[in-house]
Amino acid sequence: MRNFQKKLTQTRQNISGGLRCFQMNVSDNREVLLEGSRGVIEYNENSVKINTGKYIVAFSGRGLKLSCMNEYNLTISGFITSIEYIM
């Protein structure tokens, strides 16, 4: 079982290292599901910056929070006023 988990982890690392894209689903201006995250750079109630590999995606607004997060995906909720792509 350990060997399987180790191989699965290595496969995920190889896949994530090769992926250079992300997908974002925006629900009104209240929630964003971002798939393909490589990490959170900045997080407070007015600003969230996410590394996606090729870009940094910056969200501005009020009452922002990471309501769900795993290794590659995250959900930002709150009142989103802007989304900016930073190279």
Protein backbone atom coordinates (compact mmCIF):
# COMPACT_ATOMS: atom_id res chain seq x y z
CA MET A 1 0.00 0.00 0.00
CA ARG A 2 2.85 2.40 0.79
CA ASN A 3 4.44 1.86 -2.61
CA PHE A 4 1.13 2.70 -4.28
CA GLN A 5 0.79 5.92 -2.27
CA LYS A 6 4.39 6.87 -3.08
CA LYS A 7 3.83 6.27 -6.82
CA LEU A 8 0.58 8.24 -6.70
CA THR A 9 2.37 11.18 -5.05
CA GLN A 10 5.16 11.07 -7.64
CA THR A 11 2.60 10.94 -10.48
CA ARG A 12 0.76 13.95 -9.06
CA GLN A 13 4.02 15.87 -8.79
CA ASN A 14 4.93 15.02 -12.40
CA ILE A 15 1.48 15.99 -13.64
CA SER A 16 1.37 19.24 -11.68
CA GLY A 17 4.88 20.08 -12.82
CA GLY A 18 3.83 19.64 -16.43
CA LEU A 19 0.54 21.51 -16.24
CA ARG A 20 0.79 25.13 -17.23
CA CYS A 21 -2.88 26.04 -17.28
CA PHE A 22 -5.64 26.66 -14.82
CA GLN A 23 -9.39 26.93 -14.97
CA MET A 24 -11.54 29.45 -13.15
CA ASN A 25 -15.30 29.31 -12.63
CA VAL A 26 -16.85 32.57 -11.43
CA SER A 27 -20.30 32.57 -9.83
CA ASP A 28 -21.62 36.13 -9.98
CA ASN A 29 -19.22 38.26 -7.94
CA ARG A 30 -19.56 36.13 -4.81
CA GLU A 31 -17.51 33.00 -5.45
CA VAL A 32 -14.63 31.71 -7.60
CA LEU A 33 -13.50 28.11 -8.00
CA LEU A 34 -9.90 28.02 -9.24
CA GLU A 35 -8.51 24.69 -10.43
CA GLY A 36 -4.78 24.37 -11.01
CA SER A 37 -3.49 26.40 -8.09
CA ARG A 38 0.17 26.14 -7.19
CA GLY A 39 -0.11 28.03 -3.93
CA VAL A 40 -1.41 31.05 -2.11
CA ILE A 41 0.91 34.07 -2.23
CA GLU A 42 -1.17 36.59 -0.30
CA TYR A 43 -4.36 36.24 1.67
CA ASN A 44 -6.37 38.76 3.68
CA GLU A 45 -9.99 39.94 3.73
CA ASN A 46 -9.40 42.45 0.89
CA SER A 47 -6.92 40.67 -1.36
CA VAL A 48 -6.04 37.13 -2.43
CA LYS A 49 -3.13 36.30 -4.77
CA ILE A 50 -2.77 32.82 -6.21
CA ASN A 51 0.18 31.33 -8.10
CA THR A 52 -1.01 29.35 -11.14
CA GLY A 53 2.43 28.72 -12.63
CA LYS A 54 2.25 30.99 -15.64
CA TYR A 55 0.35 33.83 -13.93
CA ILE A 56 -0.42 35.21 -10.55
CA VAL A 57 -4.15 35.80 -10.29
CA ALA A 58 -5.06 38.62 -7.89
CA PHE A 59 -8.57 38.99 -6.47
CA SER A 60 -9.69 42.19 -4.74
CA GLY A 61 -12.86 42.76 -2.77
CA ARG A 62 -14.42 42.76 0.68
CA GLY A 63 -14.76 39.92 3.14
CA LEU A 64 -12.72 37.54 1.00
CA LYS A 65 -11.98 34.12 2.42
CA LEU A 66 -10.67 30.79 1.22
CA SER A 67 -13.72 28.70 1.94
CA CYS A 68 -12.35 25.45 0.51
CA MET A 69 -8.81 24.46 -0.43
CA ASN A 70 -6.92 21.30 -1.33
CA GLU A 71 -3.63 20.55 -3.10
CA TYR A 72 -4.65 21.93 -6.52
CA ASN A 73 -8.04 23.64 -6.17
CA LEU A 74 -9.46 26.41 -4.05
CA THR A 75 -12.63 28.41 -3.62
CA ILE A 76 -12.64 32.11 -2.81
CA SER A 77 -15.85 33.58 -1.47
CA GLY A 78 -16.87 37.10 -0.51
CA PHE A 79 -17.66 40.24 -2.49
CA ILE A 80 -15.22 40.20 -5.45
CA THR A 81 -14.65 43.58 -7.11
CA SER A 82 -11.78 42.74 -9.48
CA ILE A 83 -9.70 39.92 -10.92
CA GLU A 84 -6.24 40.73 -12.28
CA TYR A 85 -3.69 38.57 -14.12
CA ILE A 86 -0.07 39.37 -13.27
CA MET A 87 2.78 37.96 -15.36
